[in-house]
């Protein structure tokens, strides 16, 4: 990856190739994970979802972003974007594909209406490179088991974030 990866819109890639990559990166049992329940019944957002192609024009990585909402105790729904999965072929990990995909996805967000982005991930890694934090998610719940310290949010104005709520699919 001397010159960096080639990134293309994910909707230009055969969905079967994307599913096969996700299976190799996360195991076929990935569908039982809590993150899948958070975004259940929604479609990923094409404008924020990308694929990484290597020099041999093989699919080596993907990122998908999803419309979700945090429902506060009063029943108000706060729209957010769930980032992930970020998947990279096991033999291509550590070569910068995941970083390039994350950076492209965040760069594609509208500066006029930057919705908070949430993810389940490593706080040190995603915090260091992109400003994700678990400082505002301590009162949030998910529709399944999760490690609380791995529930992360990135937001230009954290004061808008509800202190409590349950994250789930956005069904507008």
N, C-alpha and C. Protein backbone atom coordinates (compact mmCIF):
# COMPACT_ATOMS: atom_id res chain seq x y z
N UNK A 1 0.83 -1.18 0.00
CA UNK A 1 0.00 0.00 0.00
C UNK A 1 0.87 1.24 0.00
N UNK A 2 1.85 1.31 -0.87
CA UNK A 2 2.81 2.40 -0.88
C UNK A 2 2.15 3.76 -1.06
N UNK A 3 1.20 3.87 -1.99
CA UNK A 3 0.56 5.15 -2.26
C UNK A 3 -0.76 5.30 -1.52
N UNK A 4 -1.07 4.40 -0.62
CA UNK A 4 -2.35 4.45 0.07
C UNK A 4 -3.37 3.65 -0.69
N UNK A 5 -4.44 3.30 -0.01
CA UNK A 5 -5.45 2.46 -0.66
C UNK A 5 -6.30 3.27 -1.64
N UNK A 6 -6.88 2.55 -2.55
CA UNK A 6 -7.91 3.15 -3.39
C UNK A 6 -9.23 2.94 -2.68
N UNK A 7 -9.95 4.02 -2.43
CA UNK A 7 -11.25 3.93 -1.78
C UNK A 7 -12.33 4.23 -2.80
N UNK A 8 -13.38 3.42 -2.77
CA UNK A 8 -14.52 3.61 -3.66
C UNK A 8 -15.80 3.54 -2.83
N UNK A 9 -16.89 4.09 -3.34
CA UNK A 9 -18.16 3.96 -2.62
C UNK A 9 -18.52 2.47 -2.46
N UNK A 10 -18.96 2.11 -1.27
CA UNK A 10 -19.28 0.71 -0.99
C UNK A 10 -20.40 0.19 -1.88
N UNK A 11 -21.31 1.07 -2.28
CA UNK A 11 -22.41 0.58 -3.12
C UNK A 11 -21.95 0.23 -4.54
N UNK A 12 -20.66 0.41 -4.85
CA UNK A 12 -20.09 -0.04 -6.13
C UNK A 12 -19.55 -1.47 -6.04
N UNK A 13 -19.67 -2.10 -4.87
CA UNK A 13 -19.11 -3.43 -4.64
C UNK A 13 -20.24 -4.45 -4.51
N UNK A 14 -20.03 -5.61 -5.09
CA UNK A 14 -21.01 -6.70 -4.99
C UNK A 14 -21.26 -7.02 -3.52
N UNK A 15 -22.52 -6.95 -3.06
CA UNK A 15 -22.82 -7.23 -1.64
C UNK A 15 -22.32 -8.60 -1.18
N UNK A 16 -22.26 -9.59 -2.05
CA UNK A 16 -21.76 -10.91 -1.67
C UNK A 16 -20.28 -10.85 -1.29
N UNK A 17 -19.51 -10.01 -1.98
CA UNK A 17 -18.09 -9.85 -1.65
C UNK A 17 -17.93 -9.16 -0.29
N UNK A 18 -18.80 -8.19 -0.02
CA UNK A 18 -18.76 -7.49 1.27
C UNK A 18 -19.08 -8.47 2.40
N UNK A 19 -20.13 -9.28 2.24
CA UNK A 19 -20.51 -10.24 3.27
C UNK A 19 -19.40 -11.26 3.51
N UNK A 20 -18.75 -11.72 2.44
CA UNK A 20 -17.66 -12.68 2.59
C UNK A 20 -16.48 -12.06 3.35
N UNK A 21 -16.17 -10.79 3.07
CA UNK A 21 -15.11 -10.10 3.79
C UNK A 21 -15.46 -9.96 5.28
N UNK A 22 -16.71 -9.58 5.56
CA UNK A 22 -17.14 -9.44 6.95
C UNK A 22 -17.05 -10.78 7.68
N UNK A 23 -17.39 -11.87 7.02
CA UNK A 23 -17.27 -13.19 7.63
C UNK A 23 -15.81 -13.51 7.96
N UNK A 24 -14.90 -13.19 7.05
CA UNK A 24 -13.48 -13.47 7.30
C UNK A 24 -12.93 -12.58 8.41
N UNK A 25 -13.37 -11.34 8.47
CA UNK A 25 -12.85 -10.40 9.47
C UNK A 25 -13.44 -10.64 10.85
N UNK A 26 -14.73 -11.05 10.92
CA UNK A 26 -15.42 -11.12 12.20
C UNK A 26 -16.06 -12.46 12.52
N UNK A 27 -15.94 -13.45 11.65
CA UNK A 27 -16.59 -14.75 11.84
C UNK A 27 -18.07 -14.65 11.48
N UNK A 28 -18.62 -15.74 10.93
CA UNK A 28 -20.03 -15.73 10.53
C UNK A 28 -21.02 -15.48 11.69
N UNK A 29 -20.59 -15.73 12.93
CA UNK A 29 -21.48 -15.50 14.08
C UNK A 29 -21.66 -14.02 14.39
N UNK A 30 -21.04 -13.15 13.61
CA UNK A 30 -21.10 -11.70 13.85
C UNK A 30 -22.53 -11.20 13.90
N UNK A 31 -23.47 -11.87 13.22
CA UNK A 31 -24.86 -11.43 13.18
C UNK A 31 -25.55 -11.47 14.54
N UNK A 32 -24.97 -12.20 15.49
CA UNK A 32 -25.57 -12.29 16.82
C UNK A 32 -25.09 -11.18 17.75
N UNK A 33 -24.14 -10.38 17.31
CA UNK A 33 -23.58 -9.32 18.15
C UNK A 33 -24.59 -8.20 18.39
N UNK A 34 -24.42 -7.52 19.50
CA UNK A 34 -25.30 -6.43 19.89
C UNK A 34 -25.33 -5.31 18.85
N UNK A 35 -24.21 -5.01 18.22
CA UNK A 35 -24.17 -3.95 17.21
C UNK A 35 -25.18 -4.22 16.10
N UNK A 36 -25.39 -5.48 15.77
CA UNK A 36 -26.38 -5.81 14.73
C UNK A 36 -27.80 -5.51 15.20
N UNK A 37 -28.05 -5.67 16.50
CA UNK A 37 -29.38 -5.35 17.04
C UNK A 37 -29.61 -3.84 17.04
N UNK A 38 -28.56 -3.06 17.28
CA UNK A 38 -28.69 -1.60 17.32
C UNK A 38 -29.15 -1.08 15.96
N UNK A 39 -28.68 -1.69 14.89
CA UNK A 39 -29.00 -1.19 13.53
C UNK A 39 -29.98 -2.09 12.78
N UNK A 40 -30.61 -3.00 13.48
CA UNK A 40 -31.53 -3.97 12.88
C UNK A 40 -32.63 -3.30 12.05
N UNK A 41 -32.84 -3.80 10.85
CA UNK A 41 -33.92 -3.31 10.01
C UNK A 41 -33.61 -2.02 9.26
N UNK A 42 -32.38 -1.53 9.36
CA UNK A 42 -32.01 -0.32 8.63
C UNK A 42 -31.03 -0.68 7.53
N UNK A 43 -30.88 0.21 6.58
CA UNK A 43 -29.88 0.04 5.53
C UNK A 43 -28.71 0.96 5.81
N UNK A 44 -27.50 0.52 5.47
CA UNK A 44 -26.33 1.36 5.66
C UNK A 44 -26.41 2.60 4.76
N UNK A 45 -25.70 3.63 5.15
CA UNK A 45 -25.74 4.93 4.48
C UNK A 45 -24.67 4.98 3.38
N UNK A 46 -25.08 4.95 2.11
CA UNK A 46 -24.10 4.92 1.01
C UNK A 46 -23.10 6.08 1.02
N UNK A 47 -23.53 7.26 1.40
CA UNK A 47 -22.63 8.42 1.35
C UNK A 47 -21.49 8.34 2.36
N UNK A 48 -21.63 7.49 3.37
CA UNK A 48 -20.61 7.40 4.42
C UNK A 48 -19.93 6.03 4.47
N UNK A 49 -20.23 5.17 3.51
CA UNK A 49 -19.73 3.79 3.53
C UNK A 49 -18.81 3.56 2.33
N UNK A 50 -17.64 2.98 2.60
CA UNK A 50 -16.60 2.87 1.58
C UNK A 50 -15.98 1.48 1.55
N UNK A 51 -15.28 1.21 0.44
CA UNK A 51 -14.50 -0.02 0.29
C UNK A 51 -13.07 0.35 -0.04
N UNK A 52 -12.13 -0.45 0.46
CA UNK A 52 -10.72 -0.28 0.14
C UNK A 52 -10.32 -1.39 -0.83
N UNK A 53 -9.64 -0.98 -1.88
CA UNK A 53 -9.21 -1.90 -2.93
C UNK A 53 -7.68 -1.86 -2.96
N UNK A 54 -7.03 -3.03 -3.01
CA UNK A 54 -5.57 -3.05 -3.03
C UNK A 54 -5.04 -2.87 -4.47
N UNK A 55 -3.73 -2.91 -4.62
CA UNK A 55 -3.10 -2.67 -5.93
C UNK A 55 -3.51 -3.71 -6.97
N UNK A 56 -3.90 -4.91 -6.52
CA UNK A 56 -4.36 -5.96 -7.43
C UNK A 56 -5.86 -5.89 -7.68
N UNK A 57 -6.48 -4.80 -7.22
CA UNK A 57 -7.92 -4.55 -7.38
C UNK A 57 -8.78 -5.57 -6.65
N UNK A 58 -8.28 -6.06 -5.50
CA UNK A 58 -9.06 -6.94 -4.64
C UNK A 58 -9.65 -6.13 -3.50
N UNK A 59 -10.85 -6.50 -3.09
CA UNK A 59 -11.48 -5.88 -1.93
C UNK A 59 -10.73 -6.30 -0.68
N UNK A 60 -10.19 -5.33 0.08
CA UNK A 60 -9.44 -5.66 1.29
C UNK A 60 -10.04 -5.03 2.55
N UNK A 61 -10.99 -4.11 2.38
CA UNK A 61 -11.58 -3.50 3.56
C UNK A 61 -12.88 -2.80 3.25
N UNK A 62 -13.72 -2.65 4.29
CA UNK A 62 -14.98 -1.93 4.14
C UNK A 62 -15.29 -1.19 5.42
N UNK A 63 -16.08 -0.15 5.28
CA UNK A 63 -16.68 0.53 6.42
C UNK A 63 -18.13 0.81 6.06
N UNK A 64 -19.00 0.56 7.03
CA UNK A 64 -20.41 0.87 6.86
C UNK A 64 -20.85 1.78 7.99
N UNK A 65 -21.74 2.71 7.69
CA UNK A 65 -22.33 3.59 8.69
C UNK A 65 -23.84 3.47 8.58
N UNK A 66 -24.52 3.60 9.72
CA UNK A 66 -25.94 3.27 9.83
C UNK A 66 -26.71 4.37 10.54
N UNK A 67 -27.97 4.59 10.17
CA UNK A 67 -28.81 5.54 10.91
C UNK A 67 -29.35 4.89 12.18
N UNK A 68 -29.03 5.48 13.32
CA UNK A 68 -29.52 4.98 14.60
C UNK A 68 -30.07 6.16 15.40
N UNK A 69 -30.64 5.87 16.53
CA UNK A 69 -31.15 6.93 17.41
C UNK A 69 -30.97 6.51 18.86
N UNK A 70 -30.72 7.50 19.70
CA UNK A 70 -30.70 7.29 21.13
C UNK A 70 -32.04 7.80 21.65
N UNK A 71 -32.82 6.91 22.22
CA UNK A 71 -34.13 7.29 22.77
C UNK A 71 -33.95 7.60 24.25
N UNK A 72 -34.23 8.86 24.62
CA UNK A 72 -34.02 9.28 26.00
C UNK A 72 -35.19 8.83 26.88
N UNK A 73 -35.09 8.99 28.20
CA UNK A 73 -36.16 8.51 29.10
C UNK A 73 -37.52 9.14 28.82
N UNK A 74 -37.57 10.33 28.20
CA UNK A 74 -38.85 10.97 27.88
C UNK A 74 -39.41 10.47 26.55
N UNK A 75 -38.69 9.56 25.88
CA UNK A 75 -39.17 9.03 24.61
C UNK A 75 -38.72 9.81 23.39
N UNK A 76 -37.94 10.86 23.58
CA UNK A 76 -37.43 11.63 22.43
C UNK A 76 -36.30 10.85 21.78
N UNK A 77 -36.31 10.85 20.44
CA UNK A 77 -35.28 10.14 19.68
C UNK A 77 -34.25 11.13 19.16
N UNK A 78 -32.99 10.86 19.44
CA UNK A 78 -31.88 11.72 19.03
C UNK A 78 -31.11 10.99 17.94
N UNK A 79 -31.22 11.47 16.67
CA UNK A 79 -30.56 10.76 15.58
C UNK A 79 -29.04 10.79 15.70
N UNK A 80 -28.44 9.68 15.33
CA UNK A 80 -26.99 9.53 15.35
C UNK A 80 -26.58 8.63 14.19
N UNK A 81 -25.29 8.54 13.98
CA UNK A 81 -24.75 7.65 12.96
C UNK A 81 -23.90 6.60 13.66
N UNK A 82 -24.21 5.33 13.43
CA UNK A 82 -23.38 4.26 13.98
C UNK A 82 -22.30 3.91 12.97
N UNK A 83 -21.06 4.00 13.40
CA UNK A 83 -19.91 3.72 12.55
C UNK A 83 -19.50 2.26 12.77
N UNK A 84 -19.39 1.53 11.68
CA UNK A 84 -18.93 0.16 11.77
C UNK A 84 -19.98 -0.82 11.27
N UNK A 85 -19.54 -1.96 10.91
CA UNK A 85 -18.20 -2.47 11.15
C UNK A 85 -17.15 -1.88 10.21
N UNK A 86 -15.95 -1.76 10.75
CA UNK A 86 -14.76 -1.47 9.96
C UNK A 86 -14.08 -2.83 9.81
N UNK A 87 -14.04 -3.34 8.60
CA UNK A 87 -13.52 -4.69 8.37
C UNK A 87 -12.34 -4.64 7.41
N UNK A 88 -11.27 -5.35 7.77
CA UNK A 88 -10.10 -5.46 6.91
C UNK A 88 -9.71 -6.93 6.84
N UNK A 89 -9.38 -7.39 5.64
CA UNK A 89 -8.93 -8.77 5.47
C UNK A 89 -7.85 -9.07 6.51
N UNK A 90 -7.93 -10.20 7.18
CA UNK A 90 -6.95 -10.50 8.23
C UNK A 90 -5.49 -10.35 7.78
N UNK A 91 -5.17 -10.78 6.57
CA UNK A 91 -3.77 -10.69 6.12
C UNK A 91 -3.36 -9.26 5.74
N UNK A 92 -4.32 -8.34 5.65
CA UNK A 92 -4.02 -6.95 5.28
C UNK A 92 -4.11 -6.00 6.48
N UNK A 93 -4.41 -6.54 7.66
CA UNK A 93 -4.53 -5.69 8.84
C UNK A 93 -3.18 -5.10 9.21
N UNK A 94 -3.21 -3.90 9.77
CA UNK A 94 -1.98 -3.22 10.17
C UNK A 94 -1.31 -2.48 9.03
N UNK A 95 -1.95 -2.40 7.86
CA UNK A 95 -1.36 -1.73 6.71
C UNK A 95 -2.01 -0.37 6.42
N UNK A 96 -2.90 0.08 7.30
CA UNK A 96 -3.49 1.41 7.14
C UNK A 96 -4.84 1.45 6.45
N UNK A 97 -5.36 0.30 6.05
CA UNK A 97 -6.66 0.30 5.37
C UNK A 97 -7.78 0.77 6.29
N UNK A 98 -7.80 0.27 7.51
CA UNK A 98 -8.86 0.67 8.46
C UNK A 98 -8.81 2.16 8.75
N UNK A 99 -7.61 2.69 8.95
CA UNK A 99 -7.47 4.13 9.20
C UNK A 99 -7.97 4.95 8.02
N UNK A 100 -7.62 4.52 6.82
CA UNK A 100 -8.05 5.25 5.62
C UNK A 100 -9.58 5.22 5.49
N UNK A 101 -10.19 4.07 5.78
CA UNK A 101 -11.65 3.96 5.70
C UNK A 101 -12.32 4.84 6.75
N UNK A 102 -11.84 4.82 7.98
CA UNK A 102 -12.41 5.67 9.04
C UNK A 102 -12.29 7.15 8.68
N UNK A 103 -11.12 7.54 8.22
CA UNK A 103 -10.89 8.94 7.88
C UNK A 103 -11.81 9.38 6.75
N UNK A 104 -11.99 8.54 5.74
CA UNK A 104 -12.87 8.88 4.62
C UNK A 104 -14.31 9.01 5.08
N UNK A 105 -14.75 8.12 5.93
CA UNK A 105 -16.13 8.16 6.39
C UNK A 105 -16.40 9.42 7.19
N UNK A 106 -15.51 9.75 8.10
CA UNK A 106 -15.68 10.96 8.91
C UNK A 106 -15.60 12.21 8.04
N UNK A 107 -14.71 12.22 7.05
CA UNK A 107 -14.59 13.37 6.16
C UNK A 107 -15.84 13.57 5.31
N UNK A 108 -16.60 12.50 5.09
CA UNK A 108 -17.81 12.59 4.26
C UNK A 108 -19.01 13.15 5.02
N UNK A 109 -18.90 13.29 6.34
CA UNK A 109 -20.01 13.85 7.12
C UNK A 109 -20.26 15.30 6.72
N UNK A 110 -21.50 15.70 6.75
CA UNK A 110 -21.85 17.07 6.40
C UNK A 110 -21.44 18.02 7.52
N UNK A 111 -20.60 19.03 7.22
CA UNK A 111 -20.26 19.99 8.27
C UNK A 111 -21.45 20.88 8.66
N UNK A 112 -22.47 20.94 7.80
CA UNK A 112 -23.65 21.74 8.11
C UNK A 112 -24.55 21.06 9.15
N UNK A 113 -24.52 19.75 9.20
CA UNK A 113 -25.38 19.01 10.14
C UNK A 113 -24.64 17.77 10.63
N UNK A 114 -23.58 17.96 11.39
CA UNK A 114 -22.78 16.80 11.82
C UNK A 114 -23.45 16.05 12.96
N UNK A 115 -24.16 14.98 12.62
CA UNK A 115 -24.78 14.15 13.65
C UNK A 115 -23.69 13.49 14.50
N UNK A 116 -23.98 13.26 15.78
CA UNK A 116 -23.03 12.49 16.60
C UNK A 116 -22.82 11.11 15.98
N UNK A 117 -21.60 10.62 16.09
CA UNK A 117 -21.27 9.29 15.60
C UNK A 117 -21.01 8.40 16.81
N UNK A 118 -21.58 7.19 16.78
CA UNK A 118 -21.39 6.24 17.86
C UNK A 118 -20.77 4.97 17.29
N UNK A 119 -20.09 4.23 18.15
CA UNK A 119 -19.51 2.96 17.73
C UNK A 119 -19.20 2.13 18.96
N UNK A 120 -19.00 0.85 18.73
CA UNK A 120 -18.49 -0.04 19.75
C UNK A 120 -17.07 -0.37 19.30
N UNK A 121 -16.09 0.05 20.09
CA UNK A 121 -14.71 -0.15 19.66
C UNK A 121 -13.71 0.15 20.76
N UNK A 122 -12.46 0.07 20.41
CA UNK A 122 -11.36 0.30 21.34
C UNK A 122 -11.22 1.80 21.62
N UNK A 123 -11.46 2.23 22.87
CA UNK A 123 -11.44 3.67 23.14
C UNK A 123 -10.08 4.33 22.91
N UNK A 124 -8.99 3.60 23.20
CA UNK A 124 -7.67 4.20 23.00
C UNK A 124 -7.41 4.45 21.52
N UNK A 125 -7.69 3.49 20.69
CA UNK A 125 -7.44 3.61 19.25
C UNK A 125 -8.34 4.66 18.61
N UNK A 126 -9.65 4.52 18.79
CA UNK A 126 -10.58 5.44 18.11
C UNK A 126 -10.56 6.82 18.74
N UNK A 127 -10.17 6.92 19.99
CA UNK A 127 -10.02 8.22 20.62
C UNK A 127 -8.79 8.95 20.12
N UNK A 128 -7.68 8.25 20.00
CA UNK A 128 -6.42 8.86 19.59
C UNK A 128 -6.51 9.43 18.18
N UNK A 129 -7.11 8.69 17.27
CA UNK A 129 -7.10 9.14 15.87
C UNK A 129 -8.29 10.00 15.48
N UNK A 130 -9.48 9.76 16.11
CA UNK A 130 -10.68 10.44 15.61
C UNK A 130 -11.51 11.11 16.69
N UNK A 131 -11.07 11.10 17.93
CA UNK A 131 -11.78 11.81 18.99
C UNK A 131 -13.00 11.11 19.56
N UNK A 132 -13.12 9.80 19.36
CA UNK A 132 -14.22 9.06 19.99
C UNK A 132 -13.92 8.92 21.48
N UNK A 133 -14.96 8.96 22.30
CA UNK A 133 -14.79 8.86 23.75
C UNK A 133 -15.97 8.13 24.38
N UNK A 134 -15.72 7.57 25.56
CA UNK A 134 -16.80 6.97 26.32
C UNK A 134 -17.22 7.88 27.48
N UNK A 135 -16.73 9.11 27.49
CA UNK A 135 -17.00 10.05 28.59
C UNK A 135 -18.48 10.43 28.69
N UNK A 136 -19.24 10.28 27.61
CA UNK A 136 -20.64 10.73 27.60
C UNK A 136 -21.64 9.58 27.46
N UNK A 137 -21.15 8.33 27.45
CA UNK A 137 -22.03 7.19 27.16
C UNK A 137 -22.34 6.32 28.38
N UNK A 138 -21.92 6.75 29.56
CA UNK A 138 -22.08 5.94 30.76
C UNK A 138 -23.52 5.62 31.11
N UNK A 139 -24.47 6.47 30.72
CA UNK A 139 -25.89 6.23 31.01
C UNK A 139 -26.66 5.67 29.84
N UNK A 140 -25.94 5.24 28.81
CA UNK A 140 -26.60 4.71 27.62
C UNK A 140 -26.68 3.20 27.69
N UNK A 141 -27.76 2.65 27.13
CA UNK A 141 -27.94 1.21 27.07
C UNK A 141 -28.03 0.76 25.62
N UNK A 142 -27.77 -0.52 25.41
CA UNK A 142 -27.89 -1.15 24.09
C UNK A 142 -28.84 -2.33 24.22
N UNK A 143 -29.40 -2.79 23.08
CA UNK A 143 -30.34 -3.92 23.11
C UNK A 143 -29.65 -5.27 23.16
N UNK A 144 -28.69 -5.40 24.05
CA UNK A 144 -27.95 -6.65 24.19
C UNK A 144 -26.71 -6.40 25.01
N UNK A 145 -25.94 -7.46 25.27
CA UNK A 145 -24.74 -7.30 26.09
C UNK A 145 -23.66 -6.49 25.38
N UNK A 146 -22.93 -5.69 26.17
CA UNK A 146 -21.81 -4.94 25.62
C UNK A 146 -20.87 -4.55 26.75
N UNK A 147 -19.64 -4.25 26.39
CA UNK A 147 -18.67 -3.75 27.35
C UNK A 147 -18.81 -2.24 27.38
N UNK A 148 -19.26 -1.70 28.52
CA UNK A 148 -19.61 -0.28 28.64
C UNK A 148 -18.47 0.64 28.19
N UNK A 149 -17.23 0.32 28.53
CA UNK A 149 -16.12 1.20 28.16
C UNK A 149 -15.87 1.25 26.65
N UNK A 150 -16.45 0.31 25.90
CA UNK A 150 -16.27 0.28 24.44
C UNK A 150 -17.37 1.00 23.68
N UNK A 151 -18.40 1.53 24.38
CA UNK A 151 -19.45 2.30 23.72
C UNK A 151 -18.95 3.74 23.63
N UNK A 152 -18.68 4.17 22.40
CA UNK A 152 -17.99 5.44 22.15
C UNK A 152 -18.87 6.39 21.36
N UNK A 153 -18.62 7.68 21.53
CA UNK A 153 -19.32 8.70 20.76
C UNK A 153 -18.31 9.77 20.34
N UNK A 154 -18.58 10.38 19.21
CA UNK A 154 -17.80 11.51 18.69
C UNK A 154 -18.82 12.58 18.34
N UNK A 155 -18.66 13.78 18.91
CA UNK A 155 -19.66 14.81 18.74
C UNK A 155 -19.00 16.18 18.87
N UNK A 156 -19.31 17.08 17.93
CA UNK A 156 -18.74 18.43 17.99
C UNK A 156 -19.18 19.18 19.24
N UNK A 157 -20.41 18.94 19.70
CA UNK A 157 -20.95 19.63 20.86
C UNK A 157 -21.56 18.61 21.83
N UNK A 158 -20.73 18.03 22.73
CA UNK A 158 -21.25 16.99 23.62
C UNK A 158 -22.40 17.45 24.52
N UNK A 159 -22.60 18.76 24.67
CA UNK A 159 -23.70 19.25 25.51
C UNK A 159 -25.06 18.83 24.97
N UNK A 160 -25.16 18.50 23.68
CA UNK A 160 -26.44 18.09 23.10
C UNK A 160 -26.78 16.63 23.39
N UNK A 161 -25.80 15.87 23.87
CA UNK A 161 -26.01 14.43 24.07
C UNK A 161 -26.82 14.17 25.33
N UNK A 162 -27.87 13.35 25.22
CA UNK A 162 -28.61 12.96 26.43
C UNK A 162 -27.71 12.17 27.37
N UNK A 163 -27.90 12.36 28.66
CA UNK A 163 -27.12 11.62 29.65
C UNK A 163 -27.55 10.16 29.72
N UNK A 164 -28.83 9.90 29.41
CA UNK A 164 -29.37 8.55 29.47
C UNK A 164 -30.17 8.24 28.22
N UNK A 165 -30.25 6.97 27.89
CA UNK A 165 -31.05 6.56 26.75
C UNK A 165 -30.67 5.18 26.27
N UNK A 166 -31.43 4.71 25.30
CA UNK A 166 -31.18 3.40 24.70
C UNK A 166 -30.95 3.60 23.21
N UNK A 167 -29.85 3.05 22.74
CA UNK A 167 -29.49 3.15 21.34
C UNK A 167 -30.19 2.05 20.54
N UNK A 168 -30.77 2.43 19.40
CA UNK A 168 -31.43 1.45 18.55
C UNK A 168 -31.54 1.97 17.14
N UNK A 169 -32.19 1.20 16.27
CA UNK A 169 -32.30 1.58 14.86
C UNK A 169 -33.10 2.88 14.70
N UNK A 170 -32.74 3.65 13.70
CA UNK A 170 -33.50 4.84 13.33
C UNK A 170 -34.56 4.40 12.35
N UNK A 171 -35.79 4.62 12.73
CA UNK A 171 -36.89 4.33 11.81
C UNK A 171 -37.72 5.60 11.72
N UNK A 172 -37.31 6.47 10.80
CA UNK A 172 -37.92 7.79 10.69
C UNK A 172 -39.20 7.81 10.10
